[in-house]
């Protein structure tokens, strides 16, 4: 259980840091503009489906946790 608690604390710290960076104007230039991201704009309504970004994020997190777990 001790390992799980440390992992949750580390993930929380990373989320806080990322949240502060995004709040103060830092952004990732590629997020939202990858191939596979779908944007539908009609009559003042915008629907954004970040499929490509989700796949990339999933792959990166899988690799991160796989290497972190060893």
C-alpha atoms as a PDB file:
ATOM      1  CA  UNK A   1       0.000   0.000   0.000  1.00  0.00           C
ATOM      2  CA  UNK A   2       2.908   2.343   0.676  1.00  0.00           C
ATOM      3  CA  UNK A   3       3.943   2.212  -2.987  1.00  0.00           C
ATOM      4  CA  UNK A   4       0.390   3.025  -4.121  1.00  0.00           C
ATOM      5  CA  UNK A   5       0.249   6.054  -1.818  1.00  0.00           C
ATOM      6  CA  UNK A   6       3.541   7.407  -3.138  1.00  0.00           C
ATOM      7  CA  UNK A   7       2.409   6.917  -6.716  1.00  0.00           C
ATOM      8  CA  UNK A   8      -0.846   8.797  -6.077  1.00  0.00           C
ATOM      9  CA  UNK A   9       1.046  11.651  -4.401  1.00  0.00           C
ATOM     10  CA  UNK A  10       3.482  11.874  -7.335  1.00  0.00           C
ATOM     11  CA  UNK A  11       0.646  11.849  -9.879  1.00  0.00           C
ATOM     12  CA  UNK A  12      -1.166  14.554  -7.899  1.00  0.00           C
ATOM     13  CA  UNK A  13       1.959  16.714  -7.816  1.00  0.00           C
ATOM     14  CA  UNK A  14       2.408  16.349 -11.577  1.00  0.00           C
ATOM     15  CA  UNK A  15      -1.235  17.295 -12.163  1.00  0.00           C
ATOM     16  CA  UNK A  16      -0.909  20.364  -9.933  1.00  0.00           C
ATOM     17  CA  UNK A  17       2.226  21.504 -11.771  1.00  0.00           C
ATOM     18  CA  UNK A  18       0.597  20.974 -15.178  1.00  0.00           C
ATOM     19  CA  UNK A  19      -2.538  22.775 -14.025  1.00  0.00           C
ATOM     20  CA  UNK A  20      -0.524  25.784 -12.901  1.00  0.00           C
ATOM     21  CA  UNK A  21       1.438  25.856 -16.154  1.00  0.00           C
ATOM     22  CA  UNK A  22      -1.732  25.771 -18.248  1.00  0.00           C
ATOM     23  CA  UNK A  23      -3.432  28.359 -16.027  1.00  0.00           C
ATOM     24  CA  UNK A  24      -0.607  30.845 -16.510  1.00  0.00           C
ATOM     25  CA  UNK A  25      -0.570  30.588 -20.287  1.00  0.00           C
ATOM     26  CA  UNK A  26       1.739  27.717 -21.193  1.00  0.00           C
ATOM     27  CA  UNK A  27       0.349  25.381 -23.806  1.00  0.00           C
ATOM     28  CA  UNK A  28       1.446  22.418 -25.853  1.00  0.00           C
ATOM     29  CA  UNK A  29       1.533  23.494 -29.516  1.00  0.00           C
ATOM     30  CA  UNK A  30       0.695  20.055 -30.923  1.00  0.00           C
ATOM     31  CA  UNK A  31      -2.302  19.238 -28.703  1.00  0.00           C
ATOM     32  CA  UNK A  32      -5.506  19.663 -30.655  1.00  0.00           C
ATOM     33  CA  UNK A  33      -3.831  19.806 -34.045  1.00  0.00           C
ATOM     34  CA  UNK A  34      -2.806  16.203 -34.563  1.00  0.00           C
ATOM     35  CA  UNK A  35      -4.019  14.084 -37.449  1.00  0.00           C
ATOM     36  CA  UNK A  36      -7.132  12.299 -36.244  1.00  0.00           C
ATOM     37  CA  UNK A  37      -8.425  15.195 -34.129  1.00  0.00           C
ATOM     38  CA  UNK A  38     -11.907  16.093 -35.334  1.00  0.00           C
ATOM     39  CA  UNK A  39     -13.389  19.593 -35.146  1.00  0.00           C
ATOM     40  CA  UNK A  40     -16.988  20.180 -36.255  1.00  0.00           C
ATOM     41  CA  UNK A  41     -18.153  23.799 -36.558  1.00  0.00           C
ATOM     42  CA  UNK A  42     -21.779  24.519 -37.463  1.00  0.00           C
ATOM     43  CA  UNK A  43     -24.074  27.440 -36.681  1.00  0.00           C
ATOM     44  CA  UNK A  44     -22.130  28.760 -33.703  1.00  0.00           C
ATOM     45  CA  UNK A  45     -21.586  25.281 -32.242  1.00  0.00           C
ATOM     46  CA  UNK A  46     -18.120  23.746 -32.059  1.00  0.00           C
ATOM     47  CA  UNK A  47     -17.564  20.083 -31.237  1.00  0.00           C
ATOM     48  CA  UNK A  48     -13.997  18.950 -30.656  1.00  0.00           C
ATOM     49  CA  UNK A  49     -13.072  15.241 -30.595  1.00  0.00           C
ATOM     50  CA  UNK A  50      -9.341  14.858 -29.795  1.00  0.00           C
ATOM     51  CA  UNK A  51      -8.947  11.281 -31.021  1.00  0.00           C
ATOM     52  CA  UNK A  52      -5.339  11.613 -32.238  1.00  0.00           C
ATOM     53  CA  UNK A  53      -4.309  13.454 -29.089  1.00  0.00           C
ATOM     54  CA  UNK A  54      -5.982  10.805 -26.923  1.00  0.00           C
ATOM     55  CA  UNK A  55      -4.143   7.979 -28.677  1.00  0.00           C
ATOM     56  CA  UNK A  56      -0.789   9.772 -28.352  1.00  0.00           C
ATOM     57  CA  UNK A  57      -1.399  10.536 -24.678  1.00  0.00           C
ATOM     58  CA  UNK A  58      -2.406   6.928 -24.030  1.00  0.00           C
ATOM     59  CA  UNK A  59       0.770   5.599 -25.646  1.00  0.00           C
ATOM     60  CA  UNK A  60       2.988   8.028 -23.715  1.00  0.00           C
ATOM     61  CA  UNK A  61       1.338   7.244 -20.376  1.00  0.00           C
ATOM     62  CA  UNK A  62       1.525   3.498 -21.040  1.00  0.00           C
ATOM     63  CA  UNK A  63       5.251   3.745 -21.735  1.00  0.00           C
ATOM     64  CA  UNK A  64       5.802   5.980 -18.709  1.00  0.00           C
ATOM     65  CA  UNK A  65       4.016   3.637 -16.293  1.00  0.00           C
ATOM     66  CA  UNK A  66       5.614   0.537 -17.836  1.00  0.00           C
ATOM     67  CA  UNK A  67       9.135   1.927 -17.298  1.00  0.00           C
ATOM     68  CA  UNK A  68       8.244   3.418 -13.914  1.00  0.00           C
ATOM     69  CA  UNK A  69       6.918   0.078 -12.698  1.00  0.00           C
ATOM     70  CA  UNK A  70      10.201  -1.762 -13.269  1.00  0.00           C
END
